[in-house]
Amino acid sequence: MTPGRLVLFVALVGAAAVVVYGLFLDRTGSTIALTVAGLAVLGITFAIIAIRLAAASLRTAHEGHGARSLVTALIGGISALFASGSLGSAVILGLLARPA
């Protein structure tokens, strides 16, 4: 496992743990702040994963591995959808957390 993959894995697991803690376990007043921070980091991590998978898909297509390129592009697209969902949720929860 390369250092870049390790950093992305740790960020993904850590952000997911923060989101789960903020949504289900935290009973203080900082529930939304923890959840927004976790969702933002989760979204950024998924976006980086999607970009890396897009580059890998192009590289494998150039090498002539069509099936591997297709699967990599599909997983990258799903990662991009997760990134947009996480970042959108973070923005909406952040706006709801502001006092009126």
PDB file of N, CA and C in Angstrom:
ATOM      1  N   MET A   1       0.860  -1.176   0.000  1.00  0.00           N
ATOM      2  CA  MET A   1       0.000   0.000   0.000  1.00  0.00           C
ATOM      3  C   MET A   1       0.901   1.231   0.000  1.00  0.00           C
ATOM      4  N   THR A   2       0.634   2.111  -0.950  1.00  0.00           N
ATOM      5  CA  THR A   2       1.435   3.325  -1.066  1.00  0.00           C
ATOM      6  C   THR A   2       1.044   4.327   0.022  1.00  0.00           C
ATOM      7  N   PRO A   3       1.908   5.285   0.313  1.00  0.00           N
ATOM      8  CA  PRO A   3       1.570   6.283   1.339  1.00  0.00           C
ATOM      9  C   PRO A   3       0.318   7.090   1.000  1.00  0.00           C
ATOM     10  N   GLY A   4       0.106   7.393  -0.277  1.00  0.00           N
ATOM     11  CA  GLY A   4      -1.095   8.143  -0.669  1.00  0.00           C
ATOM     12  C   GLY A   4      -2.369   7.363  -0.388  1.00  0.00           C
ATOM     13  N   ARG A   5      -2.343   6.082  -0.700  1.00  0.00           N
ATOM     14  CA  ARG A   5      -3.510   5.239  -0.424  1.00  0.00           C
ATOM     15  C   ARG A   5      -3.748   5.105   1.071  1.00  0.00           C
ATOM     16  N   LEU A   6      -2.670   5.003   1.830  1.00  0.00           N
ATOM     17  CA  LEU A   6      -2.807   4.890   3.284  1.00  0.00           C
ATOM     18  C   LEU A   6      -3.415   6.148   3.887  1.00  0.00           C
ATOM     19  N   VAL A   7      -2.976   7.306   3.420  1.00  0.00           N
ATOM     20  CA  VAL A   7      -3.524   8.572   3.922  1.00  0.00           C
ATOM     21  C   VAL A   7      -5.009   8.685   3.568  1.00  0.00           C
ATOM     22  N   LEU A   8      -5.365   8.321   2.340  1.00  0.00           N
ATOM     23  CA  LEU A   8      -6.777   8.369   1.945  1.00  0.00           C
ATOM     24  C   LEU A   8      -7.620   7.388   2.745  1.00  0.00           C
ATOM     25  N   PHE A   9      -7.086   6.212   3.012  1.00  0.00           N
ATOM     26  CA  PHE A   9      -7.826   5.226   3.794  1.00  0.00           C
ATOM     27  C   PHE A   9      -8.047   5.715   5.222  1.00  0.00           C
ATOM     28  N   VAL A  10      -7.005   6.268   5.832  1.00  0.00           N
ATOM     29  CA  VAL A  10      -7.137   6.778   7.203  1.00  0.00           C
ATOM     30  C   VAL A  10      -8.114   7.943   7.248  1.00  0.00           C
ATOM     31  N   ALA A  11      -8.054   8.841   6.256  1.00  0.00           N
ATOM     32  CA  ALA A  11      -8.989   9.977   6.216  1.00  0.00           C
ATOM     33  C   ALA A  11     -10.420   9.494   6.010  1.00  0.00           C
ATOM     34  N   LEU A  12     -10.604   8.486   5.165  1.00  0.00           N
ATOM     35  CA  LEU A  12     -11.940   7.954   4.911  1.00  0.00           C
ATOM     36  C   LEU A  12     -12.530   7.308   6.155  1.00  0.00           C
ATOM     37  N   VAL A  13     -11.752   6.474   6.813  1.00  0.00           N
ATOM     38  CA  VAL A  13     -12.239   5.797   8.022  1.00  0.00           C
ATOM     39  C   VAL A  13     -12.445   6.798   9.153  1.00  0.00           C
ATOM     40  N   GLY A  14     -11.508   7.727   9.318  1.00  0.00           N
ATOM     41  CA  GLY A  14     -11.640   8.722  10.383  1.00  0.00           C
ATOM     42  C   GLY A  14     -12.837   9.631  10.191  1.00  0.00           C
ATOM     43  N   ALA A  15     -13.058  10.093   8.960  1.00  0.00           N
ATOM     44  CA  ALA A  15     -14.206  10.962   8.697  1.00  0.00           C
ATOM     45  C   ALA A  15     -15.517  10.213   8.877  1.00  0.00           C
ATOM     46  N   ALA A  16     -15.558   8.962   8.434  1.00  0.00           N
ATOM     47  CA  ALA A  16     -16.773   8.168   8.621  1.00  0.00           C
ATOM     48  C   ALA A  16     -17.053   7.949  10.107  1.00  0.00           C
ATOM     49  N   ALA A  17     -16.005   7.741  10.891  1.00  0.00           N
ATOM     50  CA  ALA A  17     -16.181   7.563  12.336  1.00  0.00           C
ATOM     51  C   ALA A  17     -16.699   8.845  12.981  1.00  0.00           C
ATOM     52  N   VAL A  18     -16.201   9.994  12.553  1.00  0.00           N
ATOM     53  CA  VAL A  18     -16.669  11.277  13.100  1.00  0.00           C
ATOM     54  C   VAL A  18     -18.135  11.507  12.743  1.00  0.00           C
ATOM     55  N   VAL A  19     -18.523  11.177  11.504  1.00  0.00           N
ATOM     56  CA  VAL A  19     -19.918  11.355  11.095  1.00  0.00           C
ATOM     57  C   VAL A  19     -20.832  10.442  11.908  1.00  0.00           C
ATOM     58  N   VAL A  20     -20.444   9.182  12.067  1.00  0.00           N
ATOM     59  CA  VAL A  20     -21.260   8.246  12.852  1.00  0.00           C
ATOM     60  C   VAL A  20     -21.356   8.709  14.294  1.00  0.00           C
ATOM     61  N   TYR A  21     -20.248   9.169  14.865  1.00  0.00           N
ATOM     62  CA  TYR A  21     -20.275   9.665  16.246  1.00  0.00           C
ATOM     63  C   TYR A  21     -21.166  10.898  16.358  1.00  0.00           C
ATOM     64  N   GLY A  22     -21.035  11.804  15.395  1.00  0.00           N
ATOM     65  CA  GLY A  22     -21.841  13.028  15.451  1.00  0.00           C
ATOM     66  C   GLY A  22     -23.327  12.769  15.259  1.00  0.00           C
ATOM     67  N   LEU A  23     -23.670  11.800  14.434  1.00  0.00           N
ATOM     68  CA  LEU A  23     -25.084  11.525  14.173  1.00  0.00           C
ATOM     69  C   LEU A  23     -25.744  10.683  15.258  1.00  0.00           C
ATOM     70  N   PHE A  24     -25.044   9.685  15.752  1.00  0.00           N
ATOM     71  CA  PHE A  24     -25.700   8.702  16.608  1.00  0.00           C
ATOM     72  C   PHE A  24     -25.274   8.705  18.072  1.00  0.00           C
ATOM     73  N   LEU A  25     -24.075   9.146  18.390  1.00  0.00           N
ATOM     74  CA  LEU A  25     -23.578   8.990  19.754  1.00  0.00           C
ATOM     75  C   LEU A  25     -23.464  10.281  20.543  1.00  0.00           C
ATOM     76  N   ASP A  26     -23.213  11.394  19.889  1.00  0.00           N
ATOM     77  CA  ASP A  26     -22.998  12.655  20.583  1.00  0.00           C
ATOM     78  C   ASP A  26     -24.336  13.255  21.018  1.00  0.00           C
ATOM     79  N   ARG A  27     -24.435  13.589  22.281  1.00  0.00           N
ATOM     80  CA  ARG A  27     -25.671  14.181  22.815  1.00  0.00           C
ATOM     81  C   ARG A  27     -25.447  15.590  23.362  1.00  0.00           C
ATOM     82  N   THR A  28     -24.348  16.213  22.962  1.00  0.00           N
ATOM     83  CA  THR A  28     -24.080  17.581  23.402  1.00  0.00           C
ATOM     84  C   THR A  28     -24.567  18.555  22.331  1.00  0.00           C
ATOM     85  N   GLY A  29     -24.272  19.791  22.503  1.00  0.00           N
ATOM     86  CA  GLY A  29     -24.715  20.805  21.554  1.00  0.00           C
ATOM     87  C   GLY A  29     -23.880  20.869  20.285  1.00  0.00           C
ATOM     88  N   SER A  30     -22.779  20.138  20.222  1.00  0.00           N
ATOM     89  CA  SER A  30     -21.900  20.206  19.058  1.00  0.00           C
ATOM     90  C   SER A  30     -22.162  19.091  18.052  1.00  0.00           C
ATOM     91  N   THR A  31     -23.341  18.524  18.094  1.00  0.00           N
ATOM     92  CA  THR A  31     -23.662  17.405  17.214  1.00  0.00           C
ATOM     93  C   THR A  31     -23.585  17.810  15.746  1.00  0.00           C
ATOM     94  N   ILE A  32     -24.183  18.925  15.384  1.00  0.00           N
ATOM     95  CA  ILE A  32     -24.200  19.334  13.988  1.00  0.00           C
ATOM     96  C   ILE A  32     -22.810  19.762  13.532  1.00  0.00           C
ATOM     97  N   ALA A  33     -22.057  20.417  14.396  1.00  0.00           N
ATOM     98  CA  ALA A  33     -20.711  20.845  14.019  1.00  0.00           C
ATOM     99  C   ALA A  33     -19.809  19.651  13.731  1.00  0.00           C
ATOM    100  N   LEU A  34     -19.879  18.621  14.555  1.00  0.00           N
ATOM    101  CA  LEU A  34     -19.091  17.411  14.310  1.00  0.00           C
ATOM    102  C   LEU A  34     -19.524  16.736  13.015  1.00  0.00           C
ATOM    103  N   THR A  35     -20.801  16.658  12.793  1.00  0.00           N
ATOM    104  CA  THR A  35     -21.311  16.000  11.597  1.00  0.00           C
ATOM    105  C   THR A  35     -20.916  16.777  10.342  1.00  0.00           C
ATOM    106  N   VAL A  36     -21.007  18.096  10.380  1.00  0.00           N
ATOM    107  CA  VAL A  36     -20.630  18.917   9.226  1.00  0.00           C
ATOM    108  C   VAL A  36     -19.143  18.759   8.926  1.00  0.00           C
ATOM    109  N   ALA A  37     -18.310  18.797   9.944  1.00  0.00           N
ATOM    110  CA  ALA A  37     -16.870  18.638   9.731  1.00  0.00           C
ATOM    111  C   ALA A  37     -16.551  17.261   9.167  1.00  0.00           C
ATOM    112  N   GLY A  38     -17.172  16.238   9.709  1.00  0.00           N
ATOM    113  CA  GLY A  38     -16.935  14.888   9.210  1.00  0.00           C
ATOM    114  C   GLY A  38     -17.406  14.714   7.777  1.00  0.00           C
ATOM    115  N   LEU A  39     -18.578  15.270   7.447  1.00  0.00           N
ATOM    116  CA  LEU A  39     -19.086  15.168   6.077  1.00  0.00           C
ATOM    117  C   LEU A  39     -18.210  15.936   5.096  1.00  0.00           C
ATOM    118  N   ALA A  40     -17.678  17.068   5.508  1.00  0.00           N
ATOM    119  CA  ALA A  40     -16.802  17.839   4.625  1.00  0.00           C
ATOM    120  C   ALA A  40     -15.515  17.071   4.329  1.00  0.00           C
ATOM    121  N   VAL A  41     -14.909  16.511   5.354  1.00  0.00           N
ATOM    122  CA  VAL A  41     -13.684  15.729   5.147  1.00  0.00           C
ATOM    123  C   VAL A  41     -13.988  14.477   4.324  1.00  0.00           C
ATOM    124  N   LEU A  42     -15.122  13.846   4.582  1.00  0.00           N
ATOM    125  CA  LEU A  42     -15.520  12.664   3.822  1.00  0.00           C
ATOM    126  C   LEU A  42     -15.726  13.011   2.345  1.00  0.00           C
ATOM    127  N   GLY A  43     -16.364  14.132   2.077  1.00  0.00           N
ATOM    128  CA  GLY A  43     -16.579  14.561   0.699  1.00  0.00           C
ATOM    129  C   GLY A  43     -15.284  14.879  -0.026  1.00  0.00           C
ATOM    130  N   ILE A  44     -14.378  15.567   0.642  1.00  0.00           N
ATOM    131  CA  ILE A  44     -13.089  15.895   0.033  1.00  0.00           C
ATOM    132  C   ILE A  44     -12.297  14.622  -0.240  1.00  0.00           C
ATOM    133  N   THR A  45     -12.335  13.682   0.694  1.00  0.00           N
ATOM    134  CA  THR A  45     -11.622  12.418   0.510  1.00  0.00           C
ATOM    135  C   THR A  45     -12.193  11.633  -0.665  1.00  0.00           C
ATOM    136  N   PHE A  46     -13.516  11.553  -0.763  1.00  0.00           N
ATOM    137  CA  PHE A  46     -14.123  10.856  -1.891  1.00  0.00           C
ATOM    138  C   PHE A  46     -13.807  11.561  -3.213  1.00  0.00           C
ATOM    139  N   ALA A  47     -13.729  12.887  -3.210  1.00  0.00           N
ATOM    140  CA  ALA A  47     -13.388  13.619  -4.434  1.00  0.00           C
ATOM    141  C   ALA A  47     -11.958  13.304  -4.869  1.00  0.00           C
ATOM    142  N   ILE A  48     -11.039  13.232  -3.930  1.00  0.00           N
ATOM    143  CA  ILE A  48      -9.654  12.888  -4.261  1.00  0.00           C
ATOM    144  C   ILE A  48      -9.578  11.464  -4.789  1.00  0.00           C
ATOM    145  N   ILE A  49     -10.330  10.553  -4.178  1.00  0.00           N
ATOM    146  CA  ILE A  49     -10.359   9.169  -4.655  1.00  0.00           C
ATOM    147  C   ILE A  49     -10.915   9.120  -6.081  1.00  0.00           C
ATOM    148  N   ALA A  50     -11.966   9.882  -6.363  1.00  0.00           N
ATOM    149  CA  ALA A  50     -12.552   9.900  -7.705  1.00  0.00           C
ATOM    150  C   ALA A  50     -11.565  10.426  -8.737  1.00  0.00           C
ATOM    151  N   ILE A  51     -10.828  11.455  -8.390  1.00  0.00           N
ATOM    152  CA  ILE A  51      -9.839  12.017  -9.315  1.00  0.00           C
ATOM    153  C   ILE A  51      -8.720  11.012  -9.583  1.00  0.00           C
ATOM    154  N   ARG A  52      -8.256  10.352  -8.526  1.00  0.00           N
ATOM    155  CA  ARG A  52      -7.201   9.347  -8.710  1.00  0.00           C
ATOM    156  C   ARG A  52      -7.694   8.175  -9.543  1.00  0.00           C
ATOM    157  N   LEU A  53      -8.949   7.766  -9.345  1.00  0.00           N
ATOM    158  CA  LEU A  53      -9.484   6.662 -10.137  1.00  0.00           C
ATOM    159  C   LEU A  53      -9.711   7.073 -11.589  1.00  0.00           C
ATOM    160  N   ALA A  54     -10.047   8.330 -11.836  1.00  0.00           N
ATOM    161  CA  ALA A  54     -10.185   8.802 -13.213  1.00  0.00           C
ATOM    162  C   ALA A  54      -8.832   8.743 -13.931  1.00  0.00           C
ATOM    163  N   ALA A  55      -7.792   9.162 -13.246  1.00  0.00           N
ATOM    164  CA  ALA A  55      -6.456   9.092 -13.840  1.00  0.00           C
ATOM    165  C   ALA A  55      -6.039   7.644 -14.081  1.00  0.00           C
ATOM    166  N   ALA A  56      -6.361   6.767 -13.135  1.00  0.00           N
ATOM    167  CA  ALA A  56      -6.027   5.348 -13.305  1.00  0.00           C
ATOM    168  C   ALA A  56      -6.810   4.739 -14.451  1.00  0.00           C
ATOM    169  N   SER A  57      -8.058   5.159 -14.618  1.00  0.00           N
ATOM    170  CA  SER A  57      -8.871   4.653 -15.720  1.00  0.00           C
ATOM    171  C   SER A  57      -8.287   5.066 -17.068  1.00  0.00           C
ATOM    172  N   LEU A  58      -7.875   6.300 -17.186  1.00  0.00           N
ATOM    173  CA  LEU A  58      -7.251   6.754 -18.429  1.00  0.00           C
ATOM    174  C   LEU A  58      -5.945   6.016 -18.695  1.00  0.00           C
ATOM    175  N   ARG A  59      -5.171   5.802 -17.659  1.00  0.00           N
ATOM    176  CA  ARG A  59      -3.899   5.105 -17.813  1.00  0.00           C
ATOM    177  C   ARG A  59      -4.106   3.657 -18.264  1.00  0.00           C
ATOM    178  N   THR A  60      -5.054   2.949 -17.643  1.00  0.00           N
ATOM    179  CA  THR A  60      -5.291   1.564 -18.031  1.00  0.00           C
ATOM    180  C   THR A  60      -5.935   1.467 -19.415  1.00  0.00           C
ATOM    181  N   ALA A  61      -6.740   2.445 -19.798  1.00  0.00           N
ATOM    182  CA  ALA A  61      -7.303   2.438 -21.149  1.00  0.00           C
ATOM    183  C   ALA A  61      -6.210   2.649 -22.189  1.00  0.00           C
ATOM    184  N   HIS A  62      -5.261   3.518 -21.870  1.00  0.00           N
ATOM    185  CA  HIS A  62      -4.147   3.762 -22.781  1.00  0.00           C
ATOM    186  C   HIS A  62      -3.276   2.510 -22.930  1.00  0.00           C
ATOM    187  N   GLU A  63      -3.185   1.703 -21.866  1.00  0.00           N
ATOM    188  CA  GLU A  63      -2.401   0.466 -21.909  1.00  0.00           C
ATOM    189  C   GLU A  63      -3.146  -0.664 -22.609  1.00  0.00           C
ATOM    190  N   GLY A  64      -4.434  -0.461 -22.922  1.00  0.00           N
ATOM    191  CA  GLY A  64      -5.183  -1.462 -23.653  1.00  0.00           C
ATOM    192  C   GLY A  64      -6.000  -2.418 -22.806  1.00  0.00           C
ATOM    193  N   HIS A  65      -6.215  -2.096 -21.548  1.00  0.00           N
ATOM    194  CA  HIS A  65      -7.021  -2.931 -20.656  1.00  0.00           C
ATOM    195  C   HIS A  65      -8.408  -2.304 -20.529  1.00  0.00           C
ATOM    196  N   GLY A  66      -9.282  -2.654 -21.464  1.00  0.00           N
ATOM    197  CA  GLY A  66     -10.591  -2.008 -21.533  1.00  0.00           C
ATOM    198  C   GLY A  66     -11.501  -2.333 -20.362  1.00  0.00           C
ATOM    199  N   ALA A  67     -11.555  -3.605 -19.965  1.00  0.00           N
ATOM    200  CA  ALA A  67     -12.453  -3.996 -18.869  1.00  0.00           C
ATOM    201  C   ALA A  67     -12.012  -3.370 -17.552  1.00  0.00           C
ATOM    202  N   ARG A  68     -10.719  -3.386 -17.296  1.00  0.00           N
ATOM    203  CA  ARG A  68     -10.210  -2.797 -16.056  1.00  0.00           C
ATOM    204  C   ARG A  68     -10.454  -1.291 -16.044  1.00  0.00           C
ATOM    205  N   SER A  69     -10.315  -0.665 -17.196  1.00  0.00           N
ATOM    206  CA  SER A  69     -10.571   0.765 -17.298  1.00  0.00           C
ATOM    207  C   SER A  69     -12.039   1.083 -17.037  1.00  0.00           C
ATOM    208  N   LEU A  70     -12.934   0.262 -17.551  1.00  0.00           N
ATOM    209  CA  LEU A  70     -14.362   0.478 -17.343  1.00  0.00           C
ATOM    210  C   LEU A  70     -14.748   0.340 -15.873  1.00  0.00           C
ATOM    211  N   VAL A  71     -14.233  -0.689 -15.219  1.00  0.00           N
ATOM    212  CA  VAL A  71     -14.544  -0.899 -13.798  1.00  0.00           C
ATOM    213  C   VAL A  71     -13.968   0.234 -12.952  1.00  0.00           C
ATOM    214  N   THR A  72     -12.765   0.656 -13.279  1.00  0.00           N
ATOM    215  CA  THR A  72     -12.151   1.759 -12.535  1.00  0.00           C
ATOM    216  C   THR A  72     -12.942   3.050 -12.717  1.00  0.00           C
ATOM    217  N   ALA A  73     -13.394   3.307 -13.936  1.00  0.00           N
ATOM    218  CA  ALA A  73     -14.200   4.510 -14.186  1.00  0.00           C
ATOM    219  C   ALA A  73     -15.539   4.431 -13.452  1.00  0.00           C
ATOM    220  N   LEU A  74     -16.145   3.254 -13.403  1.00  0.00           N
ATOM    221  CA  LEU A  74     -17.418   3.085 -12.692  1.00  0.00           C
ATOM    222  C   LEU A  74     -17.246   3.346 -11.194  1.00  0.00           C
ATOM    223  N   ILE A  75     -16.204   2.797 -10.608  1.00  0.00           N
ATOM    224  CA  ILE A  75     -15.950   3.016  -9.176  1.00  0.00           C
ATOM    225  C   ILE A  75     -15.616   4.487  -8.911  1.00  0.00           C
ATOM    226  N   GLY A  76     -14.874   5.107  -9.828  1.00  0.00           N
ATOM    227  CA  GLY A  76     -14.573   6.530  -9.694  1.00  0.00           C
ATOM    228  C   GLY A  76     -15.819   7.397  -9.778  1.00  0.00           C
ATOM    229  N   GLY A  77     -16.753   7.026 -10.650  1.00  0.00           N
ATOM    230  CA  GLY A  77     -18.011   7.766 -10.752  1.00  0.00           C
ATOM    231  C   GLY A  77     -18.854   7.641  -9.502  1.00  0.00           C
ATOM    232  N   ILE A  78     -18.876   6.442  -8.944  1.00  0.00           N
ATOM    233  CA  ILE A  78     -19.608   6.244  -7.687  1.00  0.00           C
ATOM    234  C   ILE A  78     -18.963   7.050  -6.563  1.00  0.00           C
ATOM    235  N   SER A  79     -17.635   7.098  -6.546  1.00  0.00           N
ATOM    236  CA  SER A  79     -16.938   7.916  -5.551  1.00  0.00           C
ATOM    237  C   SER A  79     -17.261   9.393  -5.724  1.00  0.00           C
ATOM    238  N   ALA A  80     -17.376   9.845  -6.970  1.00  0.00           N
ATOM    239  CA  ALA A  80     -17.737  11.245  -7.218  1.00  0.00           C
ATOM    240  C   ALA A  80     -19.153  11.538  -6.733  1.00  0.00           C
ATOM    241  N   LEU A  81     -20.068  10.580  -6.915  1.00  0.00           N
ATOM    242  CA  LEU A  81     -21.428  10.765  -6.402  1.00  0.00           C
ATOM    243  C   LEU A  81     -21.439  10.844  -4.879  1.00  0.00           C
ATOM    244  N   PHE A  82     -20.660   9.979  -4.226  1.00  0.00           N
ATOM    245  CA  PHE A  82     -20.558  10.040  -2.763  1.00  0.00           C
ATOM    246  C   PHE A  82     -19.965  11.378  -2.319  1.00  0.00           C
ATOM    247  N   ALA A  83     -18.984  11.872  -3.064  1.00  0.00           N
ATOM    248  CA  ALA A  83     -18.364  13.156  -2.713  1.00  0.00           C
ATOM    249  C   ALA A  83     -19.376  14.289  -2.809  1.00  0.00           C
ATOM    250  N   SER A  84     -20.142  14.314  -3.889  1.00  0.00           N
ATOM    251  CA  SER A  84     -21.118  15.395  -4.031  1.00  0.00           C
ATOM    252  C   SER A  84     -22.218  15.281  -2.983  1.00  0.00           C
ATOM    253  N   GLY A  85     -22.633  14.082  -2.656  1.00  0.00           N
ATOM    254  CA  GLY A  85     -23.641  13.908  -1.605  1.00  0.00           C
ATOM    255  C   GLY A  85     -23.137  14.335  -0.241  1.00  0.00           C
ATOM    256  N   SER A  86     -21.900  13.973   0.073  1.00  0.00           N
ATOM    257  CA  SER A  86     -21.331  14.352   1.369  1.00  0.00           C
ATOM    258  C   SER A  86     -21.143  15.856   1.484  1.00  0.00           C
ATOM    259  N   LEU A  87     -20.602  16.468   0.422  1.00  0.00           N
ATOM    260  CA  LEU A  87     -20.386  17.916   0.475  1.00  0.00           C
ATOM    261  C   LEU A  87     -21.705  18.681   0.472  1.00  0.00           C
ATOM    262  N   GLY A  88     -22.678  18.202  -0.280  1.00  0.00           N
ATOM    263  CA  GLY A  88     -23.994  18.840  -0.269  1.00  0.00           C
ATOM    264  C   GLY A  88     -24.661  18.738   1.090  1.00  0.00           C
ATOM    265  N   SER A  89     -24.550  17.577   1.711  1.00  0.00           N
ATOM    266  CA  SER A  89     -25.109  17.405   3.058  1.00  0.00           C
ATOM    267  C   SER A  89     -24.410  18.298   4.068  1.00  0.00           C
ATOM    268  N   ALA A  90     -23.098  18.436   3.925  1.00  0.00           N
ATOM    269  CA  ALA A  90     -22.358  19.300   4.845  1.00  0.00           C
ATOM    270  C   ALA A  90     -22.800  20.747   4.706  1.00  0.00           C
ATOM    271  N   VAL A  91     -23.020  21.200   3.472  1.00  0.00           N
ATOM    272  CA  VAL A  91     -23.460  22.586   3.256  1.00  0.00           C
ATOM    273  C   VAL A  91     -24.854  22.796   3.835  1.00  0.00           C
ATOM    274  N   ILE A  92     -25.762  21.868   3.578  1.00  0.00           N
ATOM    275  CA  ILE A  92     -27.135  22.023   4.077  1.00  0.00           C
ATOM    276  C   ILE A  92     -27.165  22.002   5.596  1.00  0.00           C
ATOM    277  N   LEU A  93     -26.458  21.057   6.212  1.00  0.00           N
ATOM    278  CA  LEU A  93     -26.436  21.010   7.684  1.00  0.00           C
ATOM    279  C   LEU A  93     -25.744  22.242   8.260  1.00  0.00           C
ATOM    280  N   GLY A  94     -24.710  22.735   7.561  1.00  0.00           N
ATOM    281  CA  GLY A  94     -24.048  23.957   8.022  1.00  0.00           C
ATOM    282  C   GLY A  94     -24.972  25.159   7.980  1.00  0.00           C
ATOM    283  N   LEU A  95     -25.791  25.239   6.943  1.00  0.00           N
ATOM    284  CA  LEU A  95     -26.752  26.343   6.859  1.00  0.00           C
ATOM    285  C   LEU A  95     -27.854  26.215   7.904  1.00  0.00           C
ATOM    286  N   LEU A  96     -28.262  24.992   8.193  1.00  0.00           N
ATOM    287  CA  LEU A  96     -29.293  24.788   9.213  1.00  0.00           C
ATOM    288  C   LEU A  96     -28.765  25.064  10.630  1.00  0.00           C
ATOM    289  N   ALA A  97     -27.466  24.914  10.819  1.00  0.00           N
ATOM    290  CA  ALA A  97     -26.892  25.106  12.150  1.00  0.00           C
ATOM    291  C   ALA A  97     -26.722  26.573  12.504  1.00  0.00           C
ATOM    292  N   ARG A  98     -26.714  27.458  11.498  1.00  0.00           N
ATOM    293  CA  ARG A  98     -26.555  28.888  11.786  1.00  0.00           C
ATOM    294  C   ARG A  98     -27.771  29.435  12.498  1.00  0.00           C
ATOM    295  N   PRO A  99     -27.549  30.276  13.473  1.00  0.00           N
ATOM    296  CA  PRO A  99     -28.689  30.894  14.140  1.00  0.00           C
ATOM    297  C   PRO A  99     -29.387  31.883  13.207  1.00  0.00           C
ATOM    298  N   ALA A 100     -30.675  31.976  13.328  1.00  0.00           N
ATOM    299  CA  ALA A 100     -31.466  32.826  12.427  1.00  0.00           C
ATOM    300  C   ALA A 100     -31.367  34.284  12.749  1.00  0.00           C
TER     301      ALA A 100
END
